[in-house]
Amino acid sequence: MSSSPQVSRYSHDHMFLGATHDENARRTLWVVALTFVMMVGEIAAGYITGSMALLADGFHMATHVGALGITAIAYGFARRNAGNARYSFGTGKVGDLAGFASAMVLGLVSIVIAAESIMRLFQPTTVAFTEATLIAVVGLAVNIASALLLAGNSGHHDHGHGHGHGHGHDHGHHHDNNLRSAYVHVLADAMTSVLAIAALLAGRYLGWVWLDPVMGIVGAIVIANWAYGLMRDSAAVLLDTTDEHVAAEVRELLESTGDVSITDLHVWRVGPQARAAIVSVVTSAAVTADAIRERLAPVHELSHLTVEYRNA
């Protein structure tokens, strides 16, 4: 039985992926491919030359390929299941789940780097400075290229489509925790390459062999901090914490005229640029649910709004 036009105009769209979802997915796939080629090249060269340094860095790159692979898979899953009715509020938060998983991987990587660096600080090993420096430089070049790919849309505005509220303007690069996780992995690898190059040059020309493990410890601390930030922010989304900024805007718009009192308000994120809200109000007889929706039209982030109201 088809819906009448009157009913259809109130139907809800649960596509909360964000306008740059597909673009971000393509960028991530390019980075996965680039990192995978680098990984295979280093492992192959390591076996051919017998270099443990090349092998070690190749297998280290494998962890990043795995983490970036999680990001790419999440984009694909979210797109394929965007219209699946099993997901009550769409698949806009799949990226946050992937971001949380990637943050855990990054945290483990920082622990391994710190442990290895501490061991080498007290038990120095022979370092092939020329070979190791070359590896670090090539790795840095790959990471810079990957970072440029992932950051390519950071200067453009996202236009998130809200249900009944026009268009919301946001920066997808900063609010897509899935893309952010890939970016953090690339930046972490780039930073370790820079620190390694500095330490290797100091070790080769100044004899500061101790600087290599010290730089490793510094890098591990910074990476752990990035991992914590990503884990904290993605967990906040997964646990449906209140978006205080949007909640304050809703309160201001509804209660400023004095004829509406909010008795209960829930605002949470359902996608990179989308928020859902449930608001319970007590109003005068002249204020209708449609009037409340009209008042909230300026809140562009609201993509799914449920209003419960009672007349005073």
Protein backbone atom coordinates (compact mmCIF):
# COMPACT_ATOMS: atom_id res chain seq x y z
CA MET A 1 0.00 0.00 0.00
CA SER A 2 1.55 3.29 -1.10
CA SER A 3 1.84 6.21 1.28
CA SER A 4 -0.24 9.31 0.68
CA PRO A 5 1.59 12.55 -0.18
CA GLN A 6 0.71 13.90 3.24
CA VAL A 7 2.40 10.94 4.93
CA SER A 8 5.37 10.81 2.55
CA ARG A 9 6.43 14.36 3.34
CA TYR A 10 7.05 13.28 6.94
CA SER A 11 9.08 10.17 6.09
CA HIS A 12 12.66 10.03 7.41
CA ASP A 13 15.91 9.55 5.53
CA HIS A 14 18.61 7.73 7.53
CA MET A 15 21.51 8.41 5.16
CA PHE A 16 23.94 10.00 7.62
CA LEU A 17 27.25 9.15 5.91
CA GLY A 18 28.31 12.70 5.11
CA ALA A 19 28.78 14.30 1.70
CA THR A 20 32.49 13.40 1.45
CA HIS A 21 32.07 9.72 2.40
CA ASP A 22 32.80 8.32 -1.07
CA GLU A 23 35.66 10.76 -1.69
CA ASN A 24 37.25 9.84 1.64
CA ALA A 25 36.84 6.15 0.82
CA ARG A 26 38.66 6.57 -2.51
CA ARG A 27 41.50 8.50 -0.87
CA THR A 28 41.87 5.81 1.77
CA LEU A 29 42.06 3.05 -0.86
CA TRP A 30 44.86 4.93 -2.64
CA VAL A 31 46.77 5.20 0.63
CA VAL A 32 46.23 1.48 1.37
CA ALA A 33 47.58 0.61 -2.09
CA LEU A 34 50.59 2.93 -1.72
CA THR A 35 51.44 1.59 1.74
CA PHE A 36 50.96 -2.01 0.59
CA VAL A 37 53.37 -1.54 -2.33
CA MET A 38 55.94 -0.02 0.05
CA MET A 39 55.48 -2.92 2.47
CA VAL A 40 55.93 -5.59 -0.22
CA GLY A 41 58.97 -3.78 -1.64
CA GLU A 42 60.69 -3.55 1.74
CA ILE A 43 60.00 -7.18 2.67
CA ALA A 44 61.17 -8.42 -0.75
CA ALA A 45 64.31 -6.25 -0.60
CA GLY A 46 64.96 -7.45 2.94
CA TYR A 47 64.91 -11.11 1.89
CA ILE A 48 67.01 -10.44 -1.21
CA THR A 49 69.68 -8.39 0.59
CA GLY A 50 69.45 -10.17 3.93
CA SER A 51 68.78 -6.85 5.66
CA MET A 52 66.96 -7.24 8.98
CA ALA A 53 66.36 -3.48 9.03
CA LEU A 54 64.41 -3.66 5.79
CA LEU A 55 62.47 -6.70 6.97
CA ALA A 56 61.64 -5.09 10.30
CA ASP A 57 60.38 -1.90 8.67
CA GLY A 58 58.44 -3.92 6.10
CA PHE A 59 56.59 -5.85 8.78
CA HIS A 60 56.06 -2.60 10.68
CA MET A 61 54.40 -1.22 7.54
CA ALA A 62 52.17 -4.30 7.56
CA THR A 63 50.56 -3.11 10.81
CA HIS A 64 49.71 0.19 9.12
CA VAL A 65 48.31 -1.62 6.08
CA GLY A 66 46.08 -3.58 8.45
CA ALA A 67 44.91 -0.45 10.29
CA LEU A 68 44.30 1.44 7.05
CA GLY A 69 42.50 -1.64 5.74
CA ILE A 70 40.08 -1.38 8.67
CA THR A 71 39.35 2.20 7.60
CA ALA A 72 38.70 1.19 3.98
CA ILE A 73 36.49 -1.76 4.98
CA ALA A 74 34.46 0.50 7.28
CA TYR A 75 33.78 2.94 4.44
CA GLY A 76 32.62 0.09 2.20
CA PHE A 77 30.43 -1.49 4.88
CA ALA A 78 28.80 1.83 5.75
CA ARG A 79 27.98 2.55 2.10
CA ARG A 80 26.64 -0.95 1.34
CA ASN A 81 24.39 -0.96 4.40
CA ALA A 82 23.35 2.69 4.39
CA GLY A 83 19.77 1.77 3.50
CA ASN A 84 19.57 -1.33 5.70
CA ALA A 85 16.57 -1.00 8.03
CA ARG A 86 18.34 -3.13 10.66
CA TYR A 87 20.40 -0.07 11.58
CA SER A 88 17.91 2.24 13.28
CA PHE A 89 19.93 5.41 12.68
CA GLY A 90 21.85 4.33 9.60
CA THR A 91 25.53 3.44 9.37
CA GLY A 92 26.99 6.89 9.94
CA LYS A 93 28.80 5.73 13.10
CA VAL A 94 30.57 2.73 11.54
CA GLY A 95 33.54 5.01 10.91
CA ASP A 96 33.70 5.87 14.61
CA LEU A 97 33.81 2.15 15.45
CA ALA A 98 36.66 1.69 12.98
CA GLY A 99 38.38 4.77 14.40
CA PHE A 100 38.20 3.31 17.90
CA ALA A 101 39.66 -0.01 16.69
CA SER A 102 42.47 1.80 14.85
CA ALA A 103 43.22 3.87 17.96
CA MET A 104 43.67 0.66 19.93
CA VAL A 105 46.07 -0.68 17.28
CA LEU A 106 47.98 2.61 17.35
CA GLY A 107 48.18 2.44 21.15
CA LEU A 108 49.64 -1.08 20.96
CA VAL A 109 52.17 0.10 18.37
CA SER A 110 53.29 2.89 20.73
CA ILE A 111 53.77 0.35 23.55
CA VAL A 112 55.88 -1.91 21.30
CA ILE A 113 58.00 1.04 20.13
CA ALA A 114 58.53 2.24 23.71
CA ALA A 115 59.46 -1.25 24.96
CA GLU A 116 61.91 -1.83 22.10
CA SER A 117 63.45 1.63 22.56
CA ILE A 118 63.95 1.13 26.31
CA MET A 119 65.63 -2.24 25.67
CA ARG A 120 67.98 -0.68 23.11
CA LEU A 121 68.76 2.19 25.46
CA PHE A 122 70.21 -0.24 28.00
CA GLN A 123 71.42 -2.84 25.48
CA PRO A 124 72.68 -0.91 22.42
CA THR A 125 72.80 -2.78 19.12
CA THR A 126 74.87 -2.16 16.01
CA VAL A 127 73.06 0.18 13.61
CA ALA A 128 73.64 0.20 9.83
CA PHE A 129 73.30 3.98 9.59
CA THR A 130 73.42 4.37 5.79
CA GLU A 131 70.90 1.61 5.09
CA ALA A 132 68.58 2.60 7.92
CA THR A 133 68.63 6.27 6.88
CA LEU A 134 67.71 5.36 3.31
CA ILE A 135 64.76 3.29 4.55
CA ALA A 136 63.58 6.13 6.77
CA VAL A 137 63.80 8.67 3.92
CA VAL A 138 61.83 6.46 1.52
CA GLY A 139 59.27 5.75 4.23
CA LEU A 140 58.92 9.47 4.95
CA ALA A 141 58.31 10.18 1.26
CA VAL A 142 55.54 7.56 1.16
CA ASN A 143 53.98 8.97 4.32
CA ILE A 144 54.06 12.54 3.00
CA ALA A 145 52.33 11.40 -0.20
CA SER A 146 49.74 9.50 1.86
CA ALA A 147 49.13 12.48 4.14
CA LEU A 148 48.59 14.76 1.13
CA LEU A 149 46.07 12.28 -0.28
CA LEU A 150 44.13 12.08 2.98
CA ALA A 151 44.27 15.83 3.65
CA GLY A 152 43.20 16.75 0.16
CA ASN A 153 39.66 17.70 1.19
CA SER A 154 40.46 19.37 4.50
CA GLY A 155 40.20 22.84 3.01
CA HIS A 156 36.75 22.28 1.52
CA HIS A 157 33.41 22.50 3.22
CA ASP A 158 31.21 19.48 3.65
CA HIS A 159 27.55 20.01 2.96
CA GLY A 160 25.64 17.57 5.13
CA HIS A 161 22.04 17.03 4.15
CA GLY A 162 19.63 17.28 7.06
CA HIS A 163 16.11 15.94 7.17
CA GLY A 164 13.86 18.92 6.74
CA HIS A 165 16.54 21.43 7.73
CA GLY A 166 18.43 22.30 4.57
CA HIS A 167 22.17 21.97 4.48
CA GLY A 168 24.72 21.88 7.26
CA HIS A 169 28.21 23.17 6.74
CA ASP A 170 31.00 21.29 8.41
CA HIS A 171 34.54 20.12 7.86
CA GLY A 172 34.41 16.42 7.14
CA HIS A 173 38.12 15.90 7.61
CA HIS A 174 37.92 16.99 11.25
CA HIS A 175 34.67 15.18 12.12
CA ASP A 176 35.10 11.86 10.30
CA ASN A 177 36.87 9.73 12.91
CA ASN A 178 37.42 6.98 10.34
CA LEU A 179 39.42 9.27 8.06
CA ARG A 180 41.06 10.80 11.11
CA SER A 181 42.29 7.36 12.20
CA ALA A 182 43.95 6.80 8.82
CA TYR A 183 45.47 10.27 8.96
CA VAL A 184 46.82 9.72 12.47
CA HIS A 185 48.43 6.42 11.42
CA VAL A 186 50.15 8.14 8.51
CA LEU A 187 51.26 11.10 10.64
CA ALA A 188 52.56 8.75 13.34
CA ASP A 189 54.64 6.88 10.79
CA ALA A 190 55.89 10.14 9.27
CA MET A 191 56.87 11.47 12.69
CA THR A 192 58.78 8.31 13.58
CA SER A 193 60.59 8.57 10.23
CA VAL A 194 61.61 12.19 10.93
CA LEU A 195 62.80 11.33 14.44
CA ALA A 196 64.65 8.29 13.09
CA ILE A 197 66.40 10.33 10.40
CA ALA A 198 67.52 12.92 12.96
CA ALA A 199 68.76 10.23 15.34
CA LEU A 200 70.53 8.25 12.61
CA LEU A 201 72.34 11.31 11.28
CA ALA A 202 73.39 12.26 14.82
CA GLY A 203 74.58 8.72 15.43
CA ARG A 204 76.55 8.55 12.20
CA TYR A 205 78.24 11.96 12.33
CA LEU A 206 78.31 12.77 16.06
CA GLY A 207 78.49 9.29 17.53
CA TRP A 208 75.27 9.82 19.52
CA VAL A 209 74.10 6.22 19.30
CA TRP A 210 71.94 6.74 22.40
CA LEU A 211 69.77 9.28 20.57
CA ASP A 212 68.08 6.61 18.43
CA PRO A 213 66.26 4.85 21.33
CA VAL A 214 65.56 8.20 23.02
CA MET A 215 63.83 9.43 19.86
CA GLY A 216 61.92 6.15 19.80
CA ILE A 217 60.62 6.80 23.32
CA VAL A 218 59.65 10.38 22.42
CA GLY A 219 57.82 9.13 19.33
CA ALA A 220 56.01 6.45 21.35
CA ILE A 221 54.75 9.06 23.83
CA VAL A 222 53.44 11.33 21.07
CA ILE A 223 51.79 8.41 19.24
CA ALA A 224 50.17 7.21 22.48
CA ASN A 225 48.77 10.71 23.02
CA TRP A 226 47.31 10.78 19.50
CA ALA A 227 45.84 7.31 20.02
CA TYR A 228 44.25 8.40 23.30
CA GLY A 229 42.68 11.47 21.67
CA LEU A 230 41.24 9.41 18.82
CA MET A 231 39.99 6.73 21.21
CA ARG A 232 38.40 9.33 23.51
CA ASP A 233 36.58 11.15 20.69
CA SER A 234 35.37 8.03 18.88
CA ALA A 235 34.24 6.43 22.16
CA ALA A 236 32.24 9.57 22.96
CA VAL A 237 30.34 9.15 19.69
CA LEU A 238 29.81 5.41 20.18
CA LEU A 239 28.43 6.02 23.69
CA ASP A 240 26.01 8.69 22.39
CA THR A 241 27.35 11.49 24.56
CA THR A 242 25.40 14.74 24.34
CA ASP A 243 26.51 17.27 21.75
CA GLU A 244 26.58 20.24 24.11
CA HIS A 245 26.94 22.86 21.37
CA VAL A 246 23.86 21.70 19.46
CA ALA A 247 21.90 21.10 22.67
CA ALA A 248 22.57 24.68 23.80
CA GLU A 249 21.46 25.99 20.40
CA VAL A 250 18.23 23.98 20.63
CA ARG A 251 17.49 25.33 24.11
CA GLU A 252 18.15 28.90 23.00
CA LEU A 253 15.86 28.67 19.96
CA LEU A 254 12.98 26.99 21.80
CA GLU A 255 12.97 28.74 25.16
CA SER A 256 13.97 32.29 24.18
CA THR A 257 10.35 33.37 23.49
CA GLY A 258 9.04 32.14 26.84
CA ASP A 259 6.15 30.04 25.49
CA VAL A 260 8.08 26.74 25.44
CA SER A 261 9.76 24.91 28.33
CA ILE A 262 12.03 21.94 27.66
CA THR A 263 11.51 19.07 30.10
CA ASP A 264 13.86 16.57 28.44
CA LEU A 265 16.46 16.88 25.69
CA HIS A 266 18.76 14.34 24.05
CA VAL A 267 21.15 15.29 21.24
CA TRP A 268 23.67 12.83 19.86
CA ARG A 269 25.74 12.21 16.77
CA VAL A 270 24.56 9.76 14.09
CA GLY A 271 27.07 10.61 11.37
CA PRO A 272 30.08 12.83 10.60
CA GLN A 273 27.87 15.89 10.01
CA ALA A 274 24.53 14.63 11.36
CA ARG A 275 22.88 14.86 14.77
CA ALA A 276 19.66 13.32 16.08
CA ALA A 277 17.54 14.87 18.81
CA ILE A 278 14.59 13.94 21.00
CA VAL A 279 13.01 16.92 22.74
CA SER A 280 10.11 16.92 25.20
CA VAL A 281 8.43 20.28 25.78
CA VAL A 282 5.54 21.90 27.60
CA THR A 283 3.95 24.64 25.49
CA SER A 284 1.05 27.02 25.28
CA ALA A 285 -1.92 25.85 23.23
CA ALA A 286 -0.90 28.02 20.28
CA VAL A 287 2.44 26.24 19.74
CA THR A 288 2.33 23.10 17.59
CA ALA A 289 4.92 20.41 16.86
CA ASP A 290 5.37 21.86 13.36
CA ALA A 291 6.03 25.29 14.87
CA ILE A 292 8.73 23.77 17.08
CA ARG A 293 10.34 22.13 14.06
CA GLU A 294 10.31 25.46 12.24
CA ARG A 295 12.06 27.13 15.16
CA LEU A 296 14.80 24.50 15.00
CA ALA A 297 15.30 24.84 11.23
CA PRO A 298 18.46 26.99 11.70
CA VAL A 299 20.17 24.08 13.48
CA HIS A 300 21.61 22.59 10.31
CA GLU A 301 23.26 19.65 12.09
CA LEU A 302 19.86 18.21 13.09
CA SER A 303 19.13 15.42 10.62
CA HIS A 304 16.60 13.48 12.71
CA LEU A 305 14.25 15.27 15.13
CA THR A 306 11.56 13.78 17.37
CA VAL A 307 9.28 16.17 19.29
CA GLU A 308 7.07 15.24 22.24
CA TYR A 309 4.93 18.09 23.47
CA ARG A 310 2.19 18.76 25.98
CA ASN A 311 0.01 21.83 26.32
CA ALA A 312 0.32 23.62 29.64
